[in-house]
Amino acid sequence: MEYGSIEREIHVDASPEVVFEVVSRPEHISQWWTDDAHFETKPGAVGEFVWGDRVDVAPMTVVEAEPPRLFSFRWGYPGGEVDDTAPSLLVVFELTPSGTGTTIKLTETGFREMGWEAAKLEEQYGQHVNGWDTFVPRLGEYATRLASAS
């Protein structure tokens, strides 16, 4: 297995504008992925994703925010602190209008660049594959619910 990138693609019955909010705003991210999140939706903003009662806190940096088509961030910094000189993982959400909804393409890259030994690379990659397999469908369900409620 290559362990280079993870890609997931789904179609949701929500406009790109609604989906952009769902993937880029902390109050929405905490409804489908994390327990809490803190950041501004602008390039260069530093923030965090939180799970549990701050049991797991992952620093993140917004890379791109181009409503309603693109949102990306870096995370997975070694040592748990934002460091622009250190390797990190890049997550990109590309949003494309499709019929009356949106196609969401998620890509996560940077695994090989982290410098992990083979067993840790395989473990981390597997955890992220399993995570996105769980959370991308939740993202779709949440976006659809949000669109139908408005």
Protein backbone atom coordinates (compact mmCIF):
# COMPACT_ATOMS: atom_id res chain seq x y z
CA MET A 1 0.00 0.00 0.00
CA GLU A 2 1.24 3.50 -0.81
CA TYR A 3 -0.01 5.52 2.22
CA GLY A 4 0.27 8.71 0.16
CA SER A 5 -3.19 10.19 0.27
CA ILE A 6 -6.78 9.52 1.24
CA GLU A 7 -9.60 10.59 -1.06
CA ARG A 8 -13.32 10.47 -0.44
CA GLU A 9 -16.09 11.86 -2.62
CA ILE A 10 -19.80 12.19 -1.89
CA HIS A 11 -22.78 14.04 -3.29
CA VAL A 12 -25.06 15.93 -0.91
CA ASP A 13 -28.41 17.61 -1.42
CA ALA A 14 -27.19 21.01 -0.26
CA SER A 15 -25.84 24.03 -2.09
CA PRO A 16 -22.08 24.70 -2.21
CA GLU A 17 -22.70 27.72 0.03
CA VAL A 18 -24.25 25.53 2.74
CA VAL A 19 -21.58 22.85 2.37
CA PHE A 20 -18.80 25.44 2.59
CA GLU A 21 -20.22 26.57 5.94
CA VAL A 22 -20.41 22.96 7.12
CA VAL A 23 -16.74 22.21 6.33
CA SER A 24 -15.27 25.58 7.32
CA ARG A 25 -17.07 26.86 10.42
CA PRO A 26 -16.27 25.57 13.90
CA GLU A 27 -19.91 25.49 15.02
CA HIS A 28 -20.74 23.17 12.13
CA ILE A 29 -17.58 21.02 12.24
CA SER A 30 -18.42 20.18 15.85
CA GLN A 31 -21.74 18.74 14.65
CA TRP A 32 -20.26 16.08 12.36
CA TRP A 33 -16.58 15.57 13.26
CA THR A 34 -15.13 17.05 16.43
CA ASP A 35 -16.61 17.75 19.84
CA ASP A 36 -15.46 21.36 19.59
CA ALA A 37 -13.37 23.57 17.31
CA HIS A 38 -11.91 27.05 17.53
CA PHE A 39 -10.57 28.99 14.53
CA GLU A 40 -11.39 31.78 12.11
CA THR A 41 -12.25 30.86 8.54
CA LYS A 42 -9.42 32.79 6.91
CA PRO A 43 -6.05 31.75 5.47
CA GLY A 44 -3.31 31.75 8.08
CA ALA A 45 -5.68 31.49 11.04
CA VAL A 46 -4.44 29.14 13.75
CA GLY A 47 -6.90 27.17 15.83
CA GLU A 48 -7.71 23.76 17.22
CA PHE A 49 -9.94 20.74 16.94
CA VAL A 50 -11.05 19.23 20.26
CA TRP A 51 -12.37 15.78 21.14
CA GLY A 52 -13.70 14.73 24.53
CA ASP A 53 -13.29 17.14 27.43
CA ARG A 54 -10.04 18.41 25.86
CA VAL A 55 -8.73 14.82 26.03
CA ASP A 56 -7.45 15.17 22.47
CA VAL A 57 -6.60 18.61 21.08
CA ALA A 58 -5.20 18.96 17.57
CA PRO A 59 -3.76 22.32 16.52
CA MET A 60 -4.62 23.38 12.97
CA THR A 61 -3.92 26.16 10.49
CA VAL A 62 -6.32 27.33 7.78
CA VAL A 63 -4.53 27.21 4.42
CA GLU A 64 -7.24 28.25 1.95
CA ALA A 65 -10.78 29.55 2.32
CA GLU A 66 -12.44 30.34 -1.01
CA PRO A 67 -16.22 30.28 -0.53
CA PRO A 68 -18.12 28.40 -1.79
CA ARG A 69 -15.63 26.11 -3.56
CA LEU A 70 -12.54 25.34 -1.45
CA PHE A 71 -11.47 24.99 2.17
CA SER A 72 -8.21 23.47 3.37
CA PHE A 73 -6.24 23.18 6.60
CA ARG A 74 -3.06 21.65 7.98
CA TRP A 75 -2.98 19.54 11.12
CA GLY A 76 -1.10 16.63 12.67
CA TYR A 77 1.86 18.77 13.67
CA PRO A 78 4.64 16.88 15.48
CA GLY A 79 4.71 17.74 19.17
CA GLY A 80 1.13 19.02 19.06
CA GLU A 81 2.10 22.63 18.26
CA VAL A 82 1.71 24.59 15.05
CA ASP A 83 5.09 24.76 13.33
CA ASP A 84 5.18 25.96 9.72
CA THR A 85 8.63 24.42 9.27
CA ALA A 86 7.55 20.93 10.37
CA PRO A 87 5.74 18.36 8.25
CA SER A 88 1.97 18.20 8.71
CA LEU A 89 -1.08 16.70 7.07
CA LEU A 90 -3.12 18.72 4.56
CA VAL A 91 -6.90 18.27 4.30
CA VAL A 92 -8.65 19.81 1.28
CA PHE A 93 -12.40 20.05 0.69
CA GLU A 94 -13.25 20.81 -2.95
CA LEU A 95 -16.91 21.67 -3.54
CA THR A 96 -18.46 21.41 -6.99
CA PRO A 97 -22.09 22.25 -7.86
CA SER A 98 -23.83 19.14 -9.14
CA GLY A 99 -27.50 19.22 -10.10
CA THR A 100 -29.36 20.68 -7.15
CA GLY A 101 -26.60 19.71 -4.72
CA THR A 102 -22.85 19.58 -4.27
CA THR A 103 -20.11 17.05 -4.85
CA ILE A 104 -17.63 17.12 -1.99
CA LYS A 105 -14.15 15.79 -2.65
CA LEU A 106 -11.99 15.39 0.44
CA THR A 107 -8.27 14.73 0.06
CA GLU A 108 -5.80 14.26 2.91
CA THR A 109 -2.09 14.17 2.05
CA GLY A 110 1.29 14.34 3.74
CA PHE A 111 1.51 10.95 5.43
CA ARG A 112 4.82 9.88 3.85
CA GLU A 113 6.34 13.31 4.52
CA MET A 114 5.77 13.00 8.28
CA GLY A 115 8.95 10.94 8.65
CA TRP A 116 7.24 8.17 10.59
CA GLU A 117 8.74 4.69 10.64
CA ALA A 118 6.80 2.14 8.59
CA ALA A 119 4.63 0.73 11.40
CA LYS A 120 3.57 4.18 12.63
CA LEU A 121 2.88 5.36 9.07
CA GLU A 122 0.66 2.33 8.47
CA GLU A 123 -1.12 2.83 11.83
CA GLN A 124 -1.74 6.57 11.33
CA TYR A 125 -2.86 6.14 7.74
CA GLY A 126 -5.27 3.37 8.78
CA GLN A 127 -6.71 5.50 11.58
CA HIS A 128 -7.34 8.37 9.18
CA VAL A 129 -8.91 6.07 6.56
CA ASN A 130 -11.27 4.69 9.22
CA GLY A 131 -11.97 8.18 10.52
CA TRP A 132 -12.91 9.65 7.14
CA ASP A 133 -14.98 6.52 6.37
CA THR A 134 -17.02 7.43 9.45
CA PHE A 135 -17.05 11.21 9.28
CA VAL A 136 -17.53 11.93 5.56
CA PRO A 137 -20.99 10.26 5.59
CA ARG A 138 -21.82 12.24 8.77
CA LEU A 139 -20.75 15.41 6.97
CA GLY A 140 -23.14 14.56 4.13
CA GLU A 141 -26.02 13.80 6.47
CA TYR A 142 -25.48 16.98 8.47
CA ALA A 143 -25.22 19.20 5.36
CA THR A 144 -28.41 17.68 3.94
CA ARG A 145 -30.28 18.20 7.24
CA LEU A 146 -29.05 21.78 7.48
CA ALA A 147 -30.11 22.55 3.88
CA SER A 148 -33.57 21.04 4.33
CA ALA A 149 -34.12 23.00 7.56
CA SER A 150 -33.51 26.36 5.89
